[in-house]
């Protein structure tokens, strides 16, 4: 796993902890926007995700977490 993916995981953990415990509204909206953008990526890159060797659900989860960092690693 590369550094960018590690940073992304740390970001999601921080945003998740903020949602559960701290409740900073700005960070909650940021997490929601990030999740919405990644959901759009799932729609835009559906053919590429479904053509990959990975399970379709696994591909969607990876895209929701990592976004383009996962998409660029898929076989062309």
Protein backbone atom coordinates (compact mmCIF):
# COMPACT_ATOMS: atom_id res chain seq x y z
CA UNK A 1 0.00 0.00 0.00
CA UNK A 2 1.44 3.35 -0.98
CA UNK A 3 1.72 6.52 1.07
CA UNK A 4 -1.26 8.23 -0.55
CA UNK A 5 -3.56 5.35 0.41
CA UNK A 6 -2.23 5.39 3.97
CA UNK A 7 -2.94 9.11 4.23
CA UNK A 8 -6.44 8.51 2.85
CA UNK A 9 -7.11 5.86 5.50
CA UNK A 10 -5.93 8.24 8.24
CA UNK A 11 -8.20 10.96 6.81
CA UNK A 12 -11.26 8.66 6.86
CA UNK A 13 -10.45 7.53 10.42
CA UNK A 14 -10.19 11.16 11.59
CA UNK A 15 -13.44 12.06 9.83
CA UNK A 16 -15.16 9.00 11.32
CA UNK A 17 -13.96 9.83 14.83
CA UNK A 18 -15.11 13.42 14.35
CA UNK A 19 -18.54 12.19 13.33
CA UNK A 20 -18.79 9.85 16.33
CA UNK A 21 -17.32 11.99 19.10
CA UNK A 22 -16.53 15.61 18.33
CA UNK A 23 -19.23 16.72 15.95
CA UNK A 24 -17.44 19.52 14.11
CA UNK A 25 -20.06 20.40 11.50
CA UNK A 26 -17.52 21.59 8.91
CA UNK A 27 -15.68 18.25 9.00
CA UNK A 28 -18.96 16.35 8.80
CA UNK A 29 -19.93 18.27 5.66
CA UNK A 30 -16.43 17.69 4.25
CA UNK A 31 -16.80 13.94 4.83
CA UNK A 32 -20.24 13.96 3.21
CA UNK A 33 -18.91 15.86 0.18
CA UNK A 34 -15.96 13.47 -0.12
CA UNK A 35 -18.29 10.49 0.04
CA UNK A 36 -20.57 12.04 -2.60
CA UNK A 37 -17.64 12.70 -4.92
CA UNK A 38 -16.47 9.10 -4.56
CA UNK A 39 -20.02 7.86 -5.22
CA UNK A 40 -20.00 9.83 -8.48
CA UNK A 41 -16.66 8.19 -9.30
CA UNK A 42 -18.35 4.80 -8.84
CA UNK A 43 -20.90 5.79 -11.48
CA UNK A 44 -18.39 7.35 -13.87
CA UNK A 45 -15.92 4.47 -13.66
CA UNK A 46 -18.52 1.67 -13.45
CA UNK A 47 -17.31 -0.07 -16.62
CA UNK A 48 -13.69 0.02 -15.49
CA UNK A 49 -14.60 -1.29 -12.03
CA UNK A 50 -16.81 -4.07 -13.40
CA UNK A 51 -14.15 -5.08 -15.96
CA UNK A 52 -11.50 -5.48 -13.27
CA UNK A 53 -10.59 -8.83 -11.75
CA UNK A 54 -11.91 -7.70 -8.36
CA UNK A 55 -15.41 -8.40 -7.11
CA UNK A 56 -17.82 -5.60 -8.08
CA UNK A 57 -18.77 -4.82 -4.46
CA UNK A 58 -15.09 -4.83 -3.46
CA UNK A 59 -14.36 -2.41 -6.30
CA UNK A 60 -17.14 -0.06 -5.20
CA UNK A 61 -15.96 -0.11 -1.57
CA UNK A 62 -12.37 0.55 -2.65
CA UNK A 63 -13.56 3.42 -4.84
CA UNK A 64 -15.61 4.91 -1.98
CA UNK A 65 -12.54 4.77 0.26
CA UNK A 66 -9.69 5.62 -2.10
CA UNK A 67 -11.35 7.16 -5.16
CA UNK A 68 -9.00 7.69 -8.07
CA UNK A 69 -6.14 6.09 -6.15
CA UNK A 70 -7.93 2.76 -6.62
CA UNK A 71 -9.15 3.48 -10.15
CA UNK A 72 -5.68 4.27 -11.49
CA UNK A 73 -4.36 0.92 -10.22
CA UNK A 74 -6.93 -1.10 -12.17
CA UNK A 75 -5.85 -3.00 -15.26
CA UNK A 76 -6.47 -1.12 -18.47
